[in-house]
Protein backbone atom coordinates (compact mmCIF):
# COMPACT_ATOMS: atom_id res chain seq x y z
CA MET A 1 9.44 20.40 -1.76
CA LYS A 2 8.20 22.40 -4.70
CA TYR A 3 5.01 24.21 -3.80
CA ILE A 4 2.23 25.23 -6.16
CA ASN A 5 -0.10 28.20 -5.74
CA TYR A 6 -3.01 26.70 -7.61
CA ILE A 7 -4.79 23.42 -7.97
CA ALA A 8 -3.91 21.55 -11.13
CA PHE A 9 -4.51 17.92 -11.87
CA SER A 10 -3.84 15.84 -14.93
CA PHE A 11 -7.22 14.16 -14.71
CA VAL A 12 -7.76 10.74 -16.24
CA LEU A 13 -11.09 9.57 -17.59
CA LEU A 14 -11.69 6.10 -16.22
CA LEU A 15 -13.30 3.96 -18.87
CA LEU A 16 -14.76 1.16 -16.81
CA CYS A 17 -17.42 -1.06 -18.28
CA GLY A 18 -20.86 0.21 -17.31
CA CYS A 19 -19.37 3.28 -15.63
CA ASN A 20 -19.80 6.84 -16.83
CA ASN A 21 -19.46 8.74 -13.59
CA TRP A 22 -17.02 6.93 -11.31
CA LEU A 23 -14.51 9.62 -10.38
CA ASP A 24 -16.36 11.78 -12.92
CA VAL A 25 -13.91 14.55 -13.67
CA LYS A 26 -13.09 16.84 -16.55
CA PRO A 27 -9.87 18.71 -17.33
CA TYR A 28 -10.05 21.74 -15.04
CA ASP A 29 -6.39 22.66 -15.53
CA GLN A 30 -7.15 26.37 -16.05
CA MET A 31 -9.99 26.71 -13.59
CA ALA A 32 -9.29 29.06 -10.71
CA GLU A 33 -9.38 27.56 -7.24
CA ASP A 34 -12.28 29.72 -6.06
CA GLU A 35 -14.40 28.75 -9.05
CA LEU A 36 -13.68 25.06 -8.61
CA LEU A 37 -14.56 25.16 -4.91
CA SER A 38 -17.68 27.27 -5.20
CA LYS A 39 -19.93 24.19 -5.21
CA GLU A 40 -20.04 20.85 -3.43
CA GLU A 41 -19.33 19.15 -6.75
CA GLY A 42 -16.04 21.03 -6.99
CA PHE A 43 -14.88 19.57 -3.67
CA LYS A 44 -15.80 16.11 -4.91
CA LYS A 45 -13.81 16.67 -8.10
CA LEU A 46 -10.79 17.87 -6.15
CA LEU A 47 -10.94 14.83 -3.88
CA ASN A 48 -11.39 12.50 -6.84
CA GLY A 49 -8.40 14.10 -8.52
CA ILE A 50 -6.24 13.20 -5.53
CA TYR A 51 -7.33 9.56 -5.78
CA ILE A 52 -6.55 9.55 -9.49
CA ASP A 53 -3.10 11.04 -8.99
CA LEU A 54 -2.22 8.33 -6.49
CA ASN A 55 -1.92 6.17 -9.61
CA ALA A 56 1.04 8.21 -10.88
CA GLU A 57 4.18 6.19 -11.60
CA GLU A 58 5.99 8.18 -8.91
CA LEU A 59 3.58 6.80 -6.33
CA TYR A 60 1.37 3.70 -6.43
CA GLY A 61 1.36 3.36 -10.21
CA GLN A 62 4.79 1.75 -9.95
CA THR A 63 7.35 3.12 -7.46
CA LEU A 64 5.54 2.34 -4.20
CA THR A 65 3.91 -0.89 -5.28
CA VAL A 66 5.47 -3.32 -7.73
CA GLU A 67 8.87 -1.79 -8.45
CA MET A 68 11.22 0.32 -6.27
CA VAL A 69 10.05 -0.65 -2.78
CA GLU A 70 9.74 -4.29 -3.83
CA ILE A 71 13.38 -4.27 -4.92
CA LEU A 72 14.28 -2.71 -1.57
CA GLY A 73 12.41 -5.56 0.11
CA GLY A 74 14.35 -8.27 -1.73
CA SER A 75 11.37 -9.40 -3.78
CA TYR A 76 13.35 -9.66 -7.00
CA LYS A 77 16.65 -11.21 -7.99
CA ILE A 78 18.82 -8.36 -9.30
CA GLY A 79 21.82 -9.44 -11.34
CA GLU A 80 25.22 -7.78 -11.66
CA ASP A 81 25.40 -7.17 -15.42
CA PRO A 82 25.07 -3.37 -15.94
CA ALA A 83 23.91 -3.88 -19.52
CA THR A 84 20.89 -5.79 -18.26
CA TRP A 85 20.18 -4.40 -14.81
CA GLY A 86 21.37 -0.82 -15.12
CA ASN A 87 20.17 1.46 -12.31
CA TYR A 88 18.60 -1.40 -10.39
CA ILE A 89 22.08 -2.52 -9.33
CA ASP A 90 22.58 0.76 -7.46
CA LEU A 91 19.16 0.47 -5.85
CA ASN A 92 19.78 -3.09 -4.75
CA ASN A 93 23.11 -2.03 -3.24
CA ARG A 94 21.51 1.02 -1.56
CA ASN A 95 23.58 3.42 -3.62
CA PHE A 96 21.27 6.43 -3.83
CA SER A 97 23.92 8.86 -5.00
CA SER A 98 23.39 8.34 -8.73
CA GLN A 99 21.57 11.09 -10.58
CA TYR A 100 18.94 8.61 -11.70
CA TRP A 101 17.90 7.63 -8.18
CA ARG A 102 18.24 11.16 -6.82
CA ASN A 103 15.76 12.24 -9.50
CA ARG A 104 13.45 9.28 -8.87
CA LEU A 105 13.34 9.89 -5.11
CA SER A 106 12.74 13.60 -5.62
CA SER A 107 9.88 12.86 -8.01
CA THR A 108 8.20 10.54 -5.49
CA TRP A 109 8.63 13.04 -2.66
CA ASP A 110 7.42 15.99 -4.73
CA LYS A 111 4.36 14.12 -5.98
CA ALA A 112 3.38 12.95 -2.51
CA TYR A 113 3.68 16.40 -0.99
CA ALA A 114 1.87 18.04 -3.90
CA LEU A 115 -1.09 15.76 -3.16
CA ILE A 116 -0.75 16.44 0.56
CA ARG A 117 -0.99 20.14 -0.23
CA ASN A 118 -4.15 19.52 -2.25
CA CYS A 119 -5.62 17.65 0.74
CA ASN A 120 -4.81 20.67 2.90
CA THR A 121 -6.41 23.07 0.43
CA LEU A 122 -9.56 20.98 0.44
CA VAL A 123 -9.75 20.74 4.24
CA GLU A 124 -9.13 24.45 4.81
CA LYS A 125 -11.59 25.64 2.16
CA MET A 126 -14.33 23.36 3.50
CA GLU A 127 -14.42 25.12 6.86
CA ALA A 128 -15.64 28.40 5.38
CA LYS A 129 -18.15 26.73 3.06
CA ARG A 130 -19.96 24.19 5.20
CA GLY A 131 -23.28 25.45 3.88
CA LEU A 132 -22.48 24.05 0.43
CA PHE A 133 -22.64 20.44 1.53
CA THR A 134 -25.66 18.19 1.48
CA GLY A 135 -26.43 15.17 3.63
CA ASN A 136 -23.31 13.68 5.21
CA ASN A 137 -20.99 14.75 2.40
CA TYR A 138 -19.05 17.29 4.47
CA ASN A 139 -17.95 14.57 6.87
CA LEU A 140 -17.21 12.06 4.11
CA ILE A 141 -15.12 14.45 2.02
CA LYS A 142 -13.16 15.87 4.94
CA GLY A 143 -12.68 12.43 6.49
CA GLU A 144 -11.29 11.00 3.27
CA ALA A 145 -9.02 14.02 2.74
CA LEU A 146 -7.54 13.70 6.23
CA ALA A 147 -7.05 9.97 5.76
CA LEU A 148 -5.29 10.54 2.42
CA ARG A 149 -3.03 13.13 4.06
CA ALA A 150 -2.15 10.63 6.77
CA LEU A 151 -1.57 7.81 4.28
CA LEU A 152 0.86 9.85 2.19
CA HIS A 153 2.79 11.15 5.20
CA PHE A 154 2.95 7.64 6.66
CA ASP A 155 4.42 6.16 3.49
CA MET A 156 6.95 9.00 3.12
CA PHE A 157 7.92 8.41 6.75
CA ARG A 158 8.25 4.65 6.32
CA LEU A 159 10.44 5.21 3.26
CA PHE A 160 12.62 8.15 4.33
CA GLY A 161 12.35 8.03 8.12
CA PRO A 162 14.63 6.29 10.62
CA VAL A 163 14.23 2.70 11.72
CA TYR A 164 11.58 3.32 14.37
CA LYS A 165 12.53 0.26 16.39
CA LEU A 166 16.02 1.73 16.89
CA ASN A 167 15.49 5.48 16.87
CA PRO A 168 11.91 6.72 17.20
CA THR A 169 12.98 10.30 17.93
CA GLY A 170 15.34 10.67 14.97
CA LEU A 171 14.61 13.56 12.62
CA SER A 172 12.57 12.39 9.68
CA ILE A 173 10.13 14.32 7.49
CA PRO A 174 7.94 17.44 7.72
CA TYR A 175 4.24 17.00 8.45
CA GLU A 176 2.29 19.39 6.26
CA ALA A 177 -1.11 20.19 7.76
CA THR A 178 -1.73 23.67 6.34
CA THR A 179 -1.42 25.54 3.05
CA ASP A 180 1.33 27.71 4.52
CA LEU A 181 4.11 28.09 1.94
CA GLN A 182 6.84 28.25 4.57
CA VAL A 183 9.26 25.34 4.70
CA GLN A 184 8.21 23.16 7.61
CA LYS A 185 10.78 21.74 10.00
CA LEU A 186 11.81 18.11 10.01
CA LEU A 187 10.06 16.38 12.88
CA PRO A 188 11.15 13.54 15.15
CA GLY A 189 9.73 10.23 13.99
CA ASP A 190 7.47 9.76 17.00
CA GLU A 191 5.90 13.18 16.43
CA VAL A 192 5.25 12.40 12.77
CA MET A 193 3.53 9.17 13.76
CA GLN A 194 1.41 10.86 16.40
CA ARG A 195 0.21 13.31 13.74
CA VAL A 196 -0.50 10.44 11.33
CA ILE A 197 -2.58 8.76 14.03
CA ALA A 198 -4.32 12.03 14.98
CA ASP A 199 -5.41 12.57 11.36
CA LEU A 200 -6.62 8.98 11.09
CA LYS A 201 -8.50 9.27 14.38
CA GLN A 202 -10.23 12.44 13.20
CA ALA A 203 -11.04 10.74 9.90
CA GLU A 204 -12.47 7.77 11.78
CA THR A 205 -14.81 10.10 13.69
CA LEU A 206 -15.90 11.95 10.56
CA LEU A 207 -16.58 8.69 8.72
CA GLN A 208 -18.60 7.03 11.47
CA ASN A 209 -21.70 7.26 9.27
CA ASP A 210 -19.95 6.01 6.16
CA PRO A 211 -22.46 4.18 3.91
CA ILE A 212 -20.16 1.13 3.93
CA ILE A 213 -21.22 0.45 7.53
CA SER A 214 -24.89 -0.05 6.73
CA VAL A 215 -24.74 -1.17 3.09
CA SER A 216 -22.21 -3.84 2.23
CA ARG A 217 -21.34 -4.29 -1.44
CA PRO A 218 -18.14 -6.31 -1.68
CA LEU A 219 -16.30 -5.98 -4.96
CA GLN A 220 -16.76 -9.33 -6.66
CA GLY A 221 -14.70 -10.47 -9.60
CA GLY A 222 -16.55 -9.28 -12.69
CA SER A 223 -18.21 -6.35 -10.94
CA THR A 224 -18.78 -3.12 -12.78
CA VAL A 225 -19.36 0.24 -11.18
CA SER A 226 -22.44 2.38 -11.71
CA GLY A 227 -24.68 4.74 -9.79
CA ASP A 228 -23.65 7.54 -7.41
CA ASN A 229 -20.19 6.23 -6.78
CA PHE A 230 -19.30 8.86 -4.21
CA LEU A 231 -21.63 7.01 -1.85
CA ASP A 232 -21.21 3.57 -3.38
CA TYR A 233 -18.44 1.00 -3.78
CA ARG A 234 -16.69 2.54 -0.83
CA THR A 235 -13.79 0.08 -1.01
CA LEU A 236 -12.53 2.23 -3.90
CA ARG A 237 -12.16 5.11 -1.42
CA LEU A 238 -10.55 5.51 1.99
CA ASN A 239 -13.65 4.35 3.81
CA TYR A 240 -14.34 3.97 7.54
CA TYR A 241 -13.00 0.43 7.77
CA ALA A 242 -9.93 1.20 5.64
CA VAL A 243 -9.10 4.04 8.05
CA GLN A 244 -9.34 1.61 10.96
CA ALA A 245 -7.07 -0.81 9.10
CA LEU A 246 -4.56 2.00 8.57
CA LEU A 247 -4.71 2.71 12.29
CA ALA A 248 -3.88 -0.95 12.91
CA ARG A 249 -0.95 -0.60 10.49
CA ALA A 250 0.26 2.62 12.14
CA TYR A 251 0.03 1.34 15.72
CA HIS A 252 1.69 -1.91 14.67
CA TYR A 253 4.56 0.07 13.14
CA ILE A 254 5.31 2.14 16.25
CA SER A 255 4.84 -0.80 18.62
CA SER A 256 8.21 -2.04 17.36
CA TYR A 257 10.02 0.29 19.77
CA PRO A 258 10.44 -1.31 23.22
CA GLY A 259 9.50 1.82 25.15
CA GLU A 260 7.03 2.41 27.94
CA GLN A 261 4.13 2.78 25.47
CA GLN A 262 4.86 -0.39 23.52
CA GLU A 263 2.13 -2.46 25.16
CA GLU A 264 -0.40 0.34 24.67
CA TYR A 265 0.46 0.55 20.99
CA LYS A 266 0.24 -3.22 20.63
CA SER A 267 -3.14 -3.14 22.31
CA GLN A 268 -4.39 -0.46 19.90
CA ALA A 269 -3.07 -2.35 16.87
CA ARG A 270 -4.72 -5.53 18.12
CA GLN A 271 -8.01 -3.78 18.79
CA TYR A 272 -8.22 -2.23 15.33
CA ALA A 273 -7.13 -5.37 13.49
CA MET A 274 -9.59 -7.52 15.46
CA GLY A 275 -12.35 -5.03 14.69
CA ILE A 276 -11.75 -5.51 10.97
CA LEU A 277 -11.87 -9.28 11.30
CA GLN A 278 -15.21 -9.07 13.09
CA ILE A 279 -16.90 -7.23 10.24
CA ALA A 280 -14.98 -8.95 7.44
CA PRO A 281 -17.45 -11.80 6.71
CA GLN A 282 -20.09 -9.26 5.72
CA HIS A 283 -17.95 -6.55 4.14
CA PHE A 284 -14.67 -8.18 3.02
CA PRO A 285 -15.20 -11.94 2.64
CA PHE A 286 -12.31 -14.18 1.66
CA VAL A 287 -11.91 -14.87 -2.03
CA ASP A 288 -14.21 -17.54 -3.38
CA LYS A 289 -12.23 -20.62 -4.40
CA SER A 290 -14.19 -20.77 -7.66
CA ASN A 291 -12.73 -17.40 -8.66
CA ILE A 292 -9.26 -18.92 -8.41
CA PHE A 293 -9.92 -22.31 -9.99
CA GLY A 294 -12.74 -21.30 -12.33
CA SER A 295 -12.09 -19.74 -15.69
CA PRO A 296 -8.33 -19.31 -16.30
CA ARG A 297 -9.29 -16.38 -18.51
CA ASN A 298 -10.43 -14.20 -15.63
CA VAL A 299 -8.75 -15.39 -12.44
CA ASP A 300 -9.32 -13.01 -9.53
CA ARG A 301 -5.62 -12.40 -8.98
CA VAL A 302 -6.02 -9.54 -6.50
CA PHE A 303 -8.67 -11.31 -4.35
CA ALA A 304 -11.01 -8.37 -4.89
CA THR A 305 -13.48 -9.05 -2.08
CA GLU A 306 -10.65 -8.90 0.47
CA ILE A 307 -9.48 -5.40 -0.44
CA LEU A 308 -10.36 -2.86 2.25
CA PHE A 309 -9.14 0.03 0.10
CA GLY A 310 -7.86 -0.17 -3.43
CA LEU A 311 -7.12 2.24 -6.23
CA THR A 312 -8.80 1.80 -9.57
CA ASN A 313 -6.24 2.33 -12.29
CA PRO A 314 -7.37 1.91 -15.92
CA GLN A 315 -3.70 1.50 -16.91
CA ARG A 316 -2.93 -1.09 -14.27
CA ASN A 317 -1.66 -3.48 -16.92
CA LEU A 318 1.40 -1.23 -17.25
CA LEU A 319 2.51 -2.35 -13.79
CA PHE A 320 2.82 -5.80 -15.32
CA LYS A 321 4.03 -4.79 -18.78
CA ASN A 322 6.78 -2.50 -17.51
CA ASN A 323 8.06 -4.73 -14.72
CA ASN A 324 7.02 -8.40 -14.75
CA ASP A 325 6.03 -9.28 -18.31
CA PRO A 326 8.32 -12.03 -19.72
CA ASP A 327 8.05 -10.27 -23.08
CA HIS A 328 9.14 -6.89 -21.68
CA ARG A 329 11.56 -5.09 -23.95
CA PRO A 330 14.04 -3.78 -23.22
CA LYS A 331 14.64 -6.03 -20.27
CA PRO A 332 15.12 -6.49 -17.30
CA VAL A 333 12.11 -8.46 -16.19
CA LEU A 334 11.65 -8.42 -12.42
CA THR A 335 11.27 -11.94 -11.03
CA MET A 336 11.85 -13.76 -7.76
CA ASP A 337 14.87 -16.01 -7.37
CA PRO A 338 13.68 -19.53 -8.44
CA ASP A 339 15.36 -21.09 -5.40
CA LEU A 340 13.23 -18.92 -3.13
CA MET A 341 10.09 -19.84 -5.03
CA GLU A 342 10.88 -23.54 -4.76
CA ALA A 343 11.99 -23.60 -1.13
CA PRO A 344 10.62 -21.26 1.55
CA TYR A 345 7.86 -19.49 -0.38
CA PHE A 346 6.02 -22.06 -2.46
CA GLY A 347 8.03 -25.24 -2.03
CA GLY A 348 7.14 -27.98 0.43
CA GLY A 349 8.58 -28.80 3.81
CA GLU A 350 8.71 -26.91 7.07
CA PHE A 351 8.50 -23.39 5.63
CA GLY A 352 4.79 -23.38 4.87
CA GLY A 353 5.07 -23.13 1.10
CA SER A 354 2.88 -25.08 -1.30
CA THR A 355 2.02 -25.00 -4.98
CA ASP A 356 -1.59 -25.54 -3.85
CA ASP A 357 -1.52 -22.04 -2.38
CA TYR A 358 -4.21 -19.83 -3.95
CA ARG A 359 -1.67 -17.00 -4.04
CA TYR A 360 0.68 -19.12 -6.15
CA ILE A 361 -2.02 -20.44 -8.47
CA ALA A 362 -3.51 -16.99 -9.09
CA ASN A 363 -0.33 -14.95 -9.49
CA TRP A 364 2.55 -17.06 -10.79
CA LYS A 365 3.39 -18.80 -14.07
CA LYS A 366 6.52 -20.80 -14.79
CA THR A 367 8.30 -20.72 -18.12
CA GLY A 368 11.43 -22.83 -18.27
CA SER A 369 13.19 -22.30 -14.96
CA THR A 370 11.76 -18.81 -14.39
CA TYR A 371 8.65 -17.82 -12.44
CA TYR A 372 6.76 -14.76 -13.65
CA PHE A 373 4.45 -12.61 -11.54
CA TYR A 374 1.03 -11.97 -13.12
CA LYS A 375 -0.98 -10.19 -10.42
CA TYR A 376 -1.39 -7.04 -12.52
CA ALA A 377 -1.68 -8.60 -15.98
CA ASP A 378 -4.84 -7.83 -17.94
CA LEU A 379 -7.73 -10.23 -17.66
CA THR A 380 -9.48 -11.35 -20.81
CA ASP A 381 -12.50 -9.23 -19.93
CA VAL A 382 -10.69 -5.93 -19.54
CA GLY A 383 -13.85 -4.07 -18.53
CA ARG A 384 -14.12 -5.85 -15.18
CA ILE A 385 -13.50 -3.72 -12.11
CA ASP A 386 -10.97 -6.22 -10.74
CA ASN A 387 -8.94 -5.62 -13.91
CA THR A 388 -8.18 -2.12 -12.62
CA LEU A 389 -7.71 -2.73 -8.89
CA VAL A 390 -4.43 -1.98 -7.13
CA PRO A 391 -4.66 -3.13 -3.49
CA MET A 392 -3.67 -0.53 -0.90
CA ILE A 393 -4.65 -2.44 2.22
CA ARG A 394 -6.19 -5.88 2.42
CA LEU A 395 -7.79 -8.23 4.91
CA GLY A 396 -4.83 -10.62 5.06
CA GLU A 397 -2.55 -7.92 6.46
CA MET A 398 -4.70 -7.75 9.59
CA TYR A 399 -3.87 -11.40 10.34
CA LEU A 400 -0.18 -10.75 9.76
CA ILE A 401 -0.25 -7.73 12.07
CA LEU A 402 -1.94 -9.76 14.80
CA ALA A 403 0.64 -12.52 14.42
CA ASP A 404 3.54 -10.08 14.49
CA LEU A 405 2.43 -8.54 17.78
CA TYR A 406 3.55 -11.74 19.51
CA ASP A 407 7.33 -11.57 19.41
CA GLU A 408 8.44 -13.24 22.62
CA VAL A 409 9.55 -16.88 22.51
CA GLU A 410 6.73 -18.00 24.80
CA GLU A 411 4.23 -16.23 22.51
CA ARG A 412 5.27 -17.99 19.30
CA PRO A 413 2.29 -20.41 19.37
CA LEU A 414 -0.03 -17.38 19.28
CA MET A 415 1.90 -16.04 16.30
CA GLY A 416 1.41 -19.36 14.55
CA GLU A 417 -2.26 -19.45 15.50
CA TRP A 418 -3.00 -16.16 13.72
CA VAL A 419 -1.06 -17.20 10.64
CA ASN A 420 -3.03 -20.44 10.51
CA LYS A 421 -6.30 -18.50 10.62
CA LEU A 422 -5.18 -16.87 7.37
CA ARG A 423 -3.77 -20.04 5.85
CA GLU A 424 -7.14 -21.76 6.30
CA HIS A 425 -8.33 -19.55 3.43
CA ARG A 426 -5.31 -20.05 1.19
CA GLY A 427 -5.69 -23.74 0.34
CA VAL A 428 -2.60 -24.87 2.28
CA ASP A 429 -1.85 -27.02 5.31
CA LEU A 430 -1.64 -25.43 8.73
CA MET A 431 1.72 -24.79 10.37
CA ASP A 432 2.92 -26.31 13.64
CA GLU A 433 2.02 -23.53 16.06
CA ALA A 434 4.20 -24.86 18.87
CA SER A 435 7.39 -24.42 16.83
CA TYR A 436 6.44 -21.34 14.85
CA ALA A 437 9.21 -18.77 14.30
CA PRO A 438 9.39 -15.15 13.05
CA ARG A 439 11.16 -16.19 9.84
CA PHE A 440 8.10 -18.26 8.94
CA LEU A 441 5.99 -15.14 9.42
CA ASN A 442 8.30 -13.27 7.03
CA TYR A 443 7.66 -15.96 4.43
CA GLU A 444 3.91 -15.58 4.92
CA VAL A 445 4.19 -11.81 4.49
CA VAL A 446 5.88 -12.34 1.13
CA ARG A 447 3.24 -14.84 0.01
CA GLU A 448 0.36 -12.57 1.02
CA LEU A 449 1.60 -9.09 0.06
CA TYR A 450 3.95 -9.64 -2.87
CA GLY A 451 3.81 -6.83 -5.42
CA GLU A 452 1.84 -4.49 -3.15
CA GLY A 453 4.70 -2.45 -1.68
CA GLN A 454 4.39 -3.59 1.94
CA ILE A 455 7.16 -6.20 2.33
CA PHE A 456 10.02 -3.69 2.71
CA PHE A 457 8.08 -1.72 5.32
CA PHE A 458 7.26 -4.89 7.25
CA TYR A 459 10.94 -5.82 7.36
CA LYS A 460 11.94 -2.28 8.29
CA ARG A 461 9.45 -2.25 11.16
CA ASN A 462 11.05 -5.38 12.59
CA TYR A 463 14.62 -4.53 11.58
CA SER A 464 14.79 -7.96 9.96
CA SER A 465 17.41 -9.34 7.64
CA ILE A 466 16.16 -9.83 4.09
CA LEU A 467 16.26 -13.28 2.53
CA THR A 468 17.77 -13.10 -0.96
CA VAL A 469 19.26 -16.48 -1.92
CA PHE A 470 18.22 -19.65 -0.17
CA GLU A 471 20.78 -21.90 1.53
CA ALA A 472 23.85 -19.93 0.49
CA PRO A 473 26.50 -18.16 2.57
CA SER A 474 25.14 -14.78 1.48
CA GLN A 475 21.48 -15.75 1.77
CA PHE A 476 20.58 -12.71 3.89
CA MET A 477 20.97 -8.99 3.47
CA ARG A 478 21.78 -8.32 7.11
CA ALA A 479 19.70 -5.68 8.86
CA SER A 480 21.42 -2.30 9.03
CA GLU A 481 20.40 1.33 8.89
CA LYS A 482 21.95 1.54 5.41
CA LEU A 483 19.63 -1.26 4.36
CA TYR A 484 16.51 0.53 5.54
CA VAL A 485 17.01 4.30 5.65
CA VAL A 486 16.55 6.07 2.31
CA PRO A 487 18.17 9.56 2.31
CA LEU A 488 15.98 12.62 1.92
CA PRO A 489 15.64 13.64 -1.72
CA ASP A 490 17.60 16.50 -3.24
CA THR A 491 14.57 18.75 -3.64
CA GLU A 492 13.92 18.65 0.10
CA ILE A 493 17.57 19.19 1.00
CA GLU A 494 17.82 22.13 -1.40
CA ASN A 495 14.65 23.60 0.09
CA ARG A 496 16.41 23.86 3.44
CA GLN A 497 19.55 25.61 2.26
């Protein structure tokens, strides 16, 4: 990775309606590190800068949400005409040797580790300057920084690491926990995950007095942000409950390996996911039906109240414009195969699909024979907070995790039971729990998490085949390590030579 010896951020001024100080930052490109971190406010600005840079195209502003990882997860139908589909053909075929994809992967890796290094700078500098901090801010800032460090490592591991279910000790990625400029060794996957969990556990402890625990302010459609936002609207930051949800995600991921600790990991994943469900009615209530069927001008497409942690990106509309907009020029426009839309995902029958599904009504529009994905399209009232939200972890995933922990044949009714608890809030009929099957759960994952960058990782965790074309001889991309293991980027390989 390419290291930097100073802190530099390309700060973005977020112009949210009614908001003058949310992530209130100014361009400190030339400010020396010591000057920036001489006051508590400087630590806040550094932390806010990390959140802002998560919206970069290399990370969650495109690559790790609606585009590259969604293609890897089979979310879009990629054609074979090079004039139309270009580099996406290589990606779909897992050909990462082209210069384009080598550069793209390097950019994602470099950006993630640059932000990890900024997290490390923040954490290390805080220790010597504890006297600067007022109230509970030391714990909040450090807790969020550790959680961000864990989040970024976890996603780099899920992308570039081995299939954990098959090879948990395979060499994967370095875990950067200091500002040391020395190249860190590649760690076995299980060690990376233990460090991810350790950082999240420490963050959980530091955030145990997070204001979100005592003051619940769910993000409603139409909300605007004002006030001291460092202590308010905590769903826009890696808050206490979001950290617990990430722990559920992490334990769920490593519980895929059938080793001696599998049941312990399943128990931890279940405990954390259940904990979120217990507090959800107060803090993260299910989307109000009226926000789906009310004004078609401002449909709550992201189900804002259900987001445990989301980024606020004032250019979110570009996720739609550059990827899913039917008017995108030059094409291609990324869309799901119509046969998949009309059969397992939103068609009728045994698969659980329905055009009455809130997720279909809010996010999809049909023109001719093509279905277009509108989750990130601008609302009419562009100043609304939900017009900027990019979900990072949501309530529905907790139900899917709980369902996925039951993988034995005799446990399938319990899998179906947890899916039905989610479906009760999606406007669709319940599934037959007695005959529920893992492929039905895969369909539910697609319905719930489409466009949010989690489908590929869910499949990789389970080493599942990927459904691409319904009821055809080649309907599945069969599970293989080639399908799921992305090679380390050139910048990291060159760093080790």
